[in-house]
């Protein structure tokens, strides 16, 4: 299989794009189609980006809290390694 695809196989159809936007919209309760009707693709993409940023901030905060908890626990090196391995899965 060639590493370079033809240009036509890389193009996405309007129907595929619409389906992807609708799938993204279902991830955002605030843009529930049944309440808001049709929402522009730009609004869905903007809201998805904001949602991802909020999730990343939440992950960062939780990671910091977890790190503080682990630091305050009296774990042996072996126990700490087990906990870290479990968290990375």
PDB file of N, CA and C in Angstrom:
ATOM      1  N   UNK A   1       0.852  -1.183   0.000  1.00  0.00           N
ATOM      2  CA  UNK A   1       0.000   0.000   0.000  1.00  0.00           C
ATOM      3  C   UNK A   1       0.890   1.237   0.000  1.00  0.00           C
ATOM      4  N   UNK A   2       0.613   2.128  -0.852  1.00  0.00           N
ATOM      5  CA  UNK A   2       1.415   3.339  -0.995  1.00  0.00           C
ATOM      6  C   UNK A   2       1.158   4.280   0.176  1.00  0.00           C
ATOM      7  N   UNK A   3       2.215   4.973   0.609  1.00  0.00           N
ATOM      8  CA  UNK A   3       2.058   5.909   1.716  1.00  0.00           C
ATOM      9  C   UNK A   3       1.362   7.186   1.269  1.00  0.00           C
ATOM     10  N   UNK A   4       1.315   7.412  -0.026  1.00  0.00           N
ATOM     11  CA  UNK A   4       0.617   8.591  -0.536  1.00  0.00           C
ATOM     12  C   UNK A   4      -0.692   8.147  -1.166  1.00  0.00           C
ATOM     13  N   UNK A   5      -1.775   8.664  -0.632  1.00  0.00           N
ATOM     14  CA  UNK A   5      -3.082   8.343  -1.183  1.00  0.00           C
ATOM     15  C   UNK A   5      -3.434   9.333  -2.272  1.00  0.00           C
ATOM     16  N   UNK A   6      -4.386   8.940  -3.082  1.00  0.00           N
ATOM     17  CA  UNK A   6      -4.841   9.880  -4.100  1.00  0.00           C
ATOM     18  C   UNK A   6      -5.624  10.985  -3.414  1.00  0.00           C
ATOM     19  N   UNK A   7      -5.670  12.141  -4.030  1.00  0.00           N
ATOM     20  CA  UNK A   7      -6.336  13.294  -3.459  1.00  0.00           C
ATOM     21  C   UNK A   7      -7.815  13.008  -3.225  1.00  0.00           C
ATOM     22  N   UNK A   8      -8.455  12.291  -4.120  1.00  0.00           N
ATOM     23  CA  UNK A   8      -9.889  12.058  -3.990  1.00  0.00           C
ATOM     24  C   UNK A   8     -10.213  11.193  -2.775  1.00  0.00           C
ATOM     25  N   UNK A   9      -9.327  10.288  -2.377  1.00  0.00           N
ATOM     26  CA  UNK A   9      -9.626   9.446  -1.223  1.00  0.00           C
ATOM     27  C   UNK A   9      -9.454  10.203   0.094  1.00  0.00           C
ATOM     28  N   UNK A  10      -8.796  11.348   0.074  1.00  0.00           N
ATOM     29  CA  UNK A  10      -8.623  12.154   1.274  1.00  0.00           C
ATOM     30  C   UNK A  10      -9.765  13.137   1.486  1.00  0.00           C
ATOM     31  N   UNK A  11     -10.580  13.337   0.479  1.00  0.00           N
ATOM     32  CA  UNK A  11     -11.664  14.302   0.580  1.00  0.00           C
ATOM     33  C   UNK A  11     -12.833  13.698   1.349  1.00  0.00           C
ATOM     34  N   UNK A  12     -13.480  14.547   2.111  1.00  0.00           N
ATOM     35  CA  UNK A  12     -14.651  14.135   2.864  1.00  0.00           C
ATOM     36  C   UNK A  12     -15.873  14.758   2.192  1.00  0.00           C
ATOM     37  N   UNK A  13     -16.920  13.992   2.098  1.00  0.00           N
ATOM     38  CA  UNK A  13     -18.122  14.503   1.455  1.00  0.00           C
ATOM     39  C   UNK A  13     -18.897  15.395   2.421  1.00  0.00           C
ATOM     40  N   UNK A  14     -19.787  16.193   1.860  1.00  0.00           N
ATOM     41  CA  UNK A  14     -20.631  17.053   2.688  1.00  0.00           C
ATOM     42  C   UNK A  14     -21.476  16.219   3.651  1.00  0.00           C
ATOM     43  N   UNK A  15     -21.978  15.077   3.169  1.00  0.00           N
ATOM     44  CA  UNK A  15     -22.796  14.213   4.024  1.00  0.00           C
ATOM     45  C   UNK A  15     -21.971  13.643   5.177  1.00  0.00           C
ATOM     46  N   UNK A  16     -20.727  13.256   4.897  1.00  0.00           N
ATOM     47  CA  UNK A  16     -19.854  12.737   5.953  1.00  0.00           C
ATOM     48  C   UNK A  16     -19.549  13.823   6.975  1.00  0.00           C
ATOM     49  N   UNK A  17     -19.299  15.031   6.505  1.00  0.00           N
ATOM     50  CA  UNK A  17     -19.017  16.149   7.398  1.00  0.00           C
ATOM     51  C   UNK A  17     -20.230  16.456   8.272  1.00  0.00           C
ATOM     52  N   UNK A  18     -21.390  16.460   7.685  1.00  0.00           N
ATOM     53  CA  UNK A  18     -22.621  16.704   8.443  1.00  0.00           C
ATOM     54  C   UNK A  18     -22.814  15.631   9.503  1.00  0.00           C
ATOM     55  N   UNK A  19     -22.575  14.377   9.139  1.00  0.00           N
ATOM     56  CA  UNK A  19     -22.723  13.279  10.095  1.00  0.00           C
ATOM     57  C   UNK A  19     -21.728  13.422  11.253  1.00  0.00           C
ATOM     58  N   UNK A  20     -20.503  13.822  10.943  1.00  0.00           N
ATOM     59  CA  UNK A  20     -19.502  14.015  11.994  1.00  0.00           C
ATOM     60  C   UNK A  20     -19.882  15.162  12.925  1.00  0.00           C
ATOM     61  N   UNK A  21     -20.368  16.241  12.374  1.00  0.00           N
ATOM     62  CA  UNK A  21     -20.791  17.386  13.181  1.00  0.00           C
ATOM     63  C   UNK A  21     -21.954  16.984  14.085  1.00  0.00           C
ATOM     64  N   UNK A  22     -22.898  16.219  13.551  1.00  0.00           N
ATOM     65  CA  UNK A  22     -24.033  15.772  14.361  1.00  0.00           C
ATOM     66  C   UNK A  22     -23.572  14.851  15.480  1.00  0.00           C
ATOM     67  N   UNK A  23     -22.595  14.002  15.211  1.00  0.00           N
ATOM     68  CA  UNK A  23     -22.051  13.125  16.254  1.00  0.00           C
ATOM     69  C   UNK A  23     -21.364  13.939  17.335  1.00  0.00           C
ATOM     70  N   UNK A  24     -20.613  14.958  16.942  1.00  0.00           N
ATOM     71  CA  UNK A  24     -19.978  15.837  17.928  1.00  0.00           C
ATOM     72  C   UNK A  24     -21.030  16.564  18.762  1.00  0.00           C
ATOM     73  N   UNK A  25     -22.084  16.996  18.100  1.00  0.00           N
ATOM     74  CA  UNK A  25     -23.138  17.741  18.789  1.00  0.00           C
ATOM     75  C   UNK A  25     -23.774  16.893  19.884  1.00  0.00           C
ATOM     76  N   UNK A  26     -23.862  15.585  19.689  1.00  0.00           N
ATOM     77  CA  UNK A  26     -24.472  14.725  20.705  1.00  0.00           C
ATOM     78  C   UNK A  26     -23.624  14.667  21.975  1.00  0.00           C
ATOM     79  N   UNK A  27     -22.353  15.028  21.890  1.00  0.00           N
ATOM     80  CA  UNK A  27     -21.476  15.036  23.061  1.00  0.00           C
ATOM     81  C   UNK A  27     -21.670  16.272  23.930  1.00  0.00           C
ATOM     82  N   UNK A  28     -22.399  17.222  23.406  1.00  0.00           N
ATOM     83  CA  UNK A  28     -22.589  18.493  24.111  1.00  0.00           C
ATOM     84  C   UNK A  28     -24.039  18.658  24.525  1.00  0.00           C
ATOM     85  N   UNK A  29     -24.327  18.413  25.791  1.00  0.00           N
ATOM     86  CA  UNK A  29     -25.725  18.544  26.239  1.00  0.00           C
ATOM     87  C   UNK A  29     -26.291  19.939  25.992  1.00  0.00           C
ATOM     88  N   UNK A  30     -25.442  20.963  26.081  1.00  0.00           N
ATOM     89  CA  UNK A  30     -25.937  22.320  25.893  1.00  0.00           C
ATOM     90  C   UNK A  30     -26.351  22.594  24.446  1.00  0.00           C
ATOM     91  N   UNK A  31     -25.973  21.722  23.536  1.00  0.00           N
ATOM     92  CA  UNK A  31     -26.375  21.892  22.137  1.00  0.00           C
ATOM     93  C   UNK A  31     -27.314  20.774  21.692  1.00  0.00           C
ATOM     94  N   UNK A  32     -28.051  20.223  22.620  1.00  0.00           N
ATOM     95  CA  UNK A  32     -28.983  19.146  22.302  1.00  0.00           C
ATOM     96  C   UNK A  32     -29.912  19.603  21.175  1.00  0.00           C
ATOM     97  N   UNK A  33     -29.890  18.847  20.091  1.00  0.00           N
ATOM     98  CA  UNK A  33     -30.625  19.239  18.886  1.00  0.00           C
ATOM     99  C   UNK A  33     -32.130  19.328  19.127  1.00  0.00           C
ATOM    100  N   UNK A  34     -32.651  18.503  20.041  1.00  0.00           N
ATOM    101  CA  UNK A  34     -34.094  18.524  20.260  1.00  0.00           C
ATOM    102  C   UNK A  34     -34.557  19.850  20.871  1.00  0.00           C
ATOM    103  N   UNK A  35     -33.655  20.520  21.597  1.00  0.00           N
ATOM    104  CA  UNK A  35     -34.019  21.804  22.208  1.00  0.00           C
ATOM    105  C   UNK A  35     -33.626  22.992  21.336  1.00  0.00           C
ATOM    106  N   UNK A  36     -32.522  22.861  20.607  1.00  0.00           N
ATOM    107  CA  UNK A  36     -31.999  23.997  19.854  1.00  0.00           C
ATOM    108  C   UNK A  36     -32.239  23.899  18.346  1.00  0.00           C
ATOM    109  N   UNK A  37     -32.791  22.792  17.884  1.00  0.00           N
ATOM    110  CA  UNK A  37     -32.952  22.629  16.448  1.00  0.00           C
ATOM    111  C   UNK A  37     -31.596  22.498  15.787  1.00  0.00           C
ATOM    112  N   UNK A  38     -31.476  22.946  14.585  1.00  0.00           N
ATOM    113  CA  UNK A  38     -30.217  22.848  13.852  1.00  0.00           C
ATOM    114  C   UNK A  38     -29.239  23.924  14.341  1.00  0.00           C
ATOM    115  N   UNK A  39     -28.018  23.499  14.636  1.00  0.00           N
ATOM    116  CA  UNK A  39     -26.973  24.396  15.117  1.00  0.00           C
ATOM    117  C   UNK A  39     -25.874  24.424  14.064  1.00  0.00           C
ATOM    118  N   UNK A  40     -25.292  25.578  13.839  1.00  0.00           N
ATOM    119  CA  UNK A  40     -24.264  25.690  12.800  1.00  0.00           C
ATOM    120  C   UNK A  40     -23.038  24.847  13.162  1.00  0.00           C
ATOM    121  N   UNK A  41     -22.365  24.389  12.122  1.00  0.00           N
ATOM    122  CA  UNK A  41     -21.149  23.594  12.305  1.00  0.00           C
ATOM    123  C   UNK A  41     -20.097  24.405  13.051  1.00  0.00           C
ATOM    124  N   UNK A  42     -20.010  25.690  12.753  1.00  0.00           N
ATOM    125  CA  UNK A  42     -19.035  26.547  13.425  1.00  0.00           C
ATOM    126  C   UNK A  42     -19.301  26.599  14.927  1.00  0.00           C
ATOM    127  N   UNK A  43     -20.565  26.697  15.319  1.00  0.00           N
ATOM    128  CA  UNK A  43     -20.917  26.740  16.740  1.00  0.00           C
ATOM    129  C   UNK A  43     -20.586  25.405  17.398  1.00  0.00           C
ATOM    130  N   UNK A  44     -20.890  24.291  16.743  1.00  0.00           N
ATOM    131  CA  UNK A  44     -20.589  22.975  17.304  1.00  0.00           C
ATOM    132  C   UNK A  44     -19.084  22.824  17.496  1.00  0.00           C
ATOM    133  N   UNK A  45     -18.310  23.182  16.482  1.00  0.00           N
ATOM    134  CA  UNK A  45     -16.851  23.053  16.581  1.00  0.00           C
ATOM    135  C   UNK A  45     -16.279  23.963  17.662  1.00  0.00           C
ATOM    136  N   UNK A  46     -16.802  25.175  17.756  1.00  0.00           N
ATOM    137  CA  UNK A  46     -16.355  26.101  18.797  1.00  0.00           C
ATOM    138  C   UNK A  46     -16.676  25.548  20.181  1.00  0.00           C
ATOM    139  N   UNK A  47     -17.874  25.030  20.360  1.00  0.00           N
ATOM    140  CA  UNK A  47     -18.276  24.466  21.649  1.00  0.00           C
ATOM    141  C   UNK A  47     -17.466  23.220  21.986  1.00  0.00           C
ATOM    142  N   UNK A  48     -17.183  22.389  20.989  1.00  0.00           N
ATOM    143  CA  UNK A  48     -16.362  21.188  21.213  1.00  0.00           C
ATOM    144  C   UNK A  48     -14.966  21.591  21.670  1.00  0.00           C
ATOM    145  N   UNK A  49     -14.385  22.586  21.035  1.00  0.00           N
ATOM    146  CA  UNK A  49     -13.048  23.052  21.438  1.00  0.00           C
ATOM    147  C   UNK A  49     -13.061  23.561  22.870  1.00  0.00           C
ATOM    148  N   UNK A  50     -14.076  24.328  23.220  1.00  0.00           N
ATOM    149  CA  UNK A  50     -14.196  24.831  24.591  1.00  0.00           C
ATOM    150  C   UNK A  50     -14.370  23.678  25.574  1.00  0.00           C
ATOM    151  N   UNK A  51     -15.170  22.707  25.200  1.00  0.00           N
ATOM    152  CA  UNK A  51     -15.422  21.537  26.044  1.00  0.00           C
ATOM    153  C   UNK A  51     -14.125  20.754  26.272  1.00  0.00           C
ATOM    154  N   UNK A  52     -13.353  20.570  25.226  1.00  0.00           N
ATOM    155  CA  UNK A  52     -12.075  19.851  25.348  1.00  0.00           C
ATOM    156  C   UNK A  52     -11.132  20.615  26.263  1.00  0.00           C
ATOM    157  N   UNK A  53     -11.084  21.939  26.127  1.00  0.00           N
ATOM    158  CA  UNK A  53     -10.234  22.752  27.019  1.00  0.00           C
ATOM    159  C   UNK A  53     -10.676  22.602  28.474  1.00  0.00           C
ATOM    160  N   UNK A  54     -12.003  22.631  28.714  1.00  0.00           N
ATOM    161  CA  UNK A  54     -12.507  22.464  30.084  1.00  0.00           C
ATOM    162  C   UNK A  54     -12.144  21.086  30.627  1.00  0.00           C
ATOM    163  N   UNK A  55     -12.281  20.057  29.802  1.00  0.00           N
ATOM    164  CA  UNK A  55     -11.916  18.714  30.234  1.00  0.00           C
ATOM    165  C   UNK A  55     -10.427  18.624  30.557  1.00  0.00           C
ATOM    166  N   UNK A  56      -9.589  19.239  29.723  1.00  0.00           N
ATOM    167  CA  UNK A  56      -8.153  19.220  29.967  1.00  0.00           C
ATOM    168  C   UNK A  56      -7.815  19.935  31.269  1.00  0.00           C
ATOM    169  N   UNK A  57      -8.465  21.059  31.526  1.00  0.00           N
ATOM    170  CA  UNK A  57      -8.252  21.771  32.794  1.00  0.00           C
ATOM    171  C   UNK A  57      -8.680  20.914  33.982  1.00  0.00           C
ATOM    172  N   UNK A  58      -9.791  20.206  33.830  1.00  0.00           N
ATOM    173  CA  UNK A  58     -10.266  19.326  34.897  1.00  0.00           C
ATOM    174  C   UNK A  58      -9.280  18.181  35.140  1.00  0.00           C
ATOM    175  N   UNK A  59      -8.770  17.594  34.062  1.00  0.00           N
ATOM    176  CA  UNK A  59      -7.776  16.526  34.185  1.00  0.00           C
ATOM    177  C   UNK A  59      -6.529  17.051  34.881  1.00  0.00           C
ATOM    178  N   UNK A  60      -6.070  18.233  34.481  1.00  0.00           N
ATOM    179  CA  UNK A  60      -4.887  18.825  35.108  1.00  0.00           C
ATOM    180  C   UNK A  60      -5.111  19.045  36.602  1.00  0.00           C
ATOM    181  N   UNK A  61      -6.273  19.570  36.955  1.00  0.00           N
ATOM    182  CA  UNK A  61      -6.581  19.800  38.364  1.00  0.00           C
ATOM    183  C   UNK A  61      -6.639  18.511  39.160  1.00  0.00           C
ATOM    184  N   UNK A  62      -7.309  17.508  38.605  1.00  0.00           N
ATOM    185  CA  UNK A  62      -7.408  16.221  39.287  1.00  0.00           C
ATOM    186  C   UNK A  62      -6.047  15.543  39.396  1.00  0.00           C
ATOM    187  N   UNK A  63      -5.237  15.682  38.367  1.00  0.00           N
ATOM    188  CA  UNK A  63      -3.893  15.107  38.410  1.00  0.00           C
ATOM    189  C   UNK A  63      -3.061  15.759  39.509  1.00  0.00           C
ATOM    190  N   UNK A  64      -3.192  17.064  39.638  1.00  0.00           N
ATOM    191  CA  UNK A  64      -2.476  17.778  40.691  1.00  0.00           C
ATOM    192  C   UNK A  64      -2.922  17.338  42.069  1.00  0.00           C
ATOM    193  N   UNK A  65      -4.236  17.206  42.251  1.00  0.00           N
ATOM    194  CA  UNK A  65      -4.764  16.755  43.538  1.00  0.00           C
ATOM    195  C   UNK A  65      -4.306  15.339  43.848  1.00  0.00           C
ATOM    196  N   UNK A  66      -4.333  14.479  42.850  1.00  0.00           N
ATOM    197  CA  UNK A  66      -3.885  13.097  43.040  1.00  0.00           C
ATOM    198  C   UNK A  66      -2.411  13.056  43.401  1.00  0.00           C
ATOM    199  N   UNK A  67      -1.630  13.861  42.737  1.00  0.00           N
ATOM    200  CA  UNK A  67      -0.203  13.916  43.017  1.00  0.00           C
ATOM    201  C   UNK A  67       0.045  14.365  44.458  1.00  0.00           C
ATOM    202  N   UNK A  68      -0.712  15.365  44.910  1.00  0.00           N
ATOM    203  CA  UNK A  68      -0.581  15.828  46.298  1.00  0.00           C
ATOM    204  C   UNK A  68      -0.963  14.727  47.278  1.00  0.00           C
ATOM    205  N   UNK A  69      -2.024  14.001  46.966  1.00  0.00           N
ATOM    206  CA  UNK A  69      -2.450  12.899  47.835  1.00  0.00           C
ATOM    207  C   UNK A  69      -1.386  11.823  47.905  1.00  0.00           C
ATOM    208  N   UNK A  70      -0.845  11.467  46.753  1.00  0.00           N
ATOM    209  CA  UNK A  70       0.194  10.434  46.736  1.00  0.00           C
ATOM    210  C   UNK A  70       1.437  10.883  47.485  1.00  0.00           C
ATOM    211  N   UNK A  71       1.771  12.168  47.340  1.00  0.00           N
ATOM    212  CA  UNK A  71       2.947  12.690  48.040  1.00  0.00           C
ATOM    213  C   UNK A  71       2.754  12.667  49.549  1.00  0.00           C
ATOM    214  N   UNK A  72       1.508  12.861  50.006  1.00  0.00           N
ATOM    215  CA  UNK A  72       1.260  12.903  51.445  1.00  0.00           C
ATOM    216  C   UNK A  72       1.099  11.508  52.051  1.00  0.00           C
ATOM    217  N   UNK A  73       0.951  10.494  51.209  1.00  0.00           N
ATOM    218  CA  UNK A  73       0.803   9.125  51.712  1.00  0.00           C
ATOM    219  C   UNK A  73       2.172   8.547  52.039  1.00  0.00           C
ATOM    220  N   UNK A  74       2.174   7.672  53.011  1.00  0.00           N
ATOM    221  CA  UNK A  74       3.414   7.020  53.410  1.00  0.00           C
ATOM    222  C   UNK A  74       3.520   5.698  52.646  1.00  0.00           C
ATOM    223  N   UNK A  75       3.943   5.809  51.395  1.00  0.00           N
ATOM    224  CA  UNK A  75       4.070   4.624  50.548  1.00  0.00           C
ATOM    225  C   UNK A  75       5.533   4.248  50.397  1.00  0.00           C
ATOM    226  N   UNK A  76       5.772   2.966  50.399  1.00  0.00           N
ATOM    227  CA  UNK A  76       7.122   2.524  50.072  1.00  0.00           C
ATOM    228  C   UNK A  76       7.344   2.749  48.595  1.00  0.00           C
ATOM    229  N   UNK A  77       8.565   2.717  48.160  1.00  0.00           N
ATOM    230  CA  UNK A  77       8.873   2.901  46.744  1.00  0.00           C
ATOM    231  C   UNK A  77       8.136   1.911  45.872  1.00  0.00           C
ATOM    232  N   UNK A  78       8.049   0.676  46.346  1.00  0.00           N
ATOM    233  CA  UNK A  78       7.366  -0.377  45.576  1.00  0.00           C
ATOM    234  C   UNK A  78       5.874  -0.085  45.478  1.00  0.00           C
ATOM    235  N   UNK A  79       5.243   0.311  46.603  1.00  0.00           N
ATOM    236  CA  UNK A  79       3.817   0.634  46.601  1.00  0.00           C
ATOM    237  C   UNK A  79       3.513   1.819  45.697  1.00  0.00           C
ATOM    238  N   UNK A  80       4.352   2.827  45.766  1.00  0.00           N
ATOM    239  CA  UNK A  80       4.154   4.010  44.933  1.00  0.00           C
ATOM    240  C   UNK A  80       4.252   3.643  43.459  1.00  0.00           C
ATOM    241  N   UNK A  81       5.186   2.779  43.126  1.00  0.00           N
ATOM    242  CA  UNK A  81       5.338   2.342  41.732  1.00  0.00           C
ATOM    243  C   UNK A  81       4.092   1.598  41.257  1.00  0.00           C
ATOM    244  N   UNK A  82       3.538   0.747  42.107  1.00  0.00           N
ATOM    245  CA  UNK A  82       2.318  -0.002  41.756  1.00  0.00           C
ATOM    246  C   UNK A  82       1.169   0.969  41.506  1.00  0.00           C
ATOM    247  N   UNK A  83       1.001   1.951  42.391  1.00  0.00           N
ATOM    248  CA  UNK A  83      -0.083   2.932  42.247  1.00  0.00           C
ATOM    249  C   UNK A  83       0.102   3.712  40.953  1.00  0.00           C
ATOM    250  N   UNK A  84       1.302   4.166  40.671  1.00  0.00           N
ATOM    251  CA  UNK A  84       1.551   4.930  39.447  1.00  0.00           C
ATOM    252  C   UNK A  84       1.295   4.085  38.194  1.00  0.00           C
ATOM    253  N   UNK A  85       1.706   2.819  38.231  1.00  0.00           N
ATOM    254  CA  UNK A  85       1.449   1.924  37.098  1.00  0.00           C
ATOM    255  C   UNK A  85      -0.050   1.745  36.863  1.00  0.00           C
ATOM    256  N   UNK A  86      -0.801   1.595  37.946  1.00  0.00           N
ATOM    257  CA  UNK A  86      -2.244   1.444  37.821  1.00  0.00           C
ATOM    258  C   UNK A  86      -2.883   2.694  37.229  1.00  0.00           C
ATOM    259  N   UNK A  87      -2.398   3.854  37.650  1.00  0.00           N
ATOM    260  CA  UNK A  87      -2.970   5.115  37.169  1.00  0.00           C
ATOM    261  C   UNK A  87      -2.648   5.391  35.714  1.00  0.00           C
ATOM    262  N   UNK A  88      -1.560   4.830  35.225  1.00  0.00           N
ATOM    263  CA  UNK A  88      -1.171   5.076  33.839  1.00  0.00           C
ATOM    264  C   UNK A  88      -1.879   4.166  32.856  1.00  0.00           C
ATOM    265  N   UNK A  89      -2.612   3.194  33.350  1.00  0.00           N
ATOM    266  CA  UNK A  89      -3.305   2.257  32.452  1.00  0.00           C
ATOM    267  C   UNK A  89      -4.519   2.872  31.839  1.00  0.00           C
TER     268      UNK A  89
END
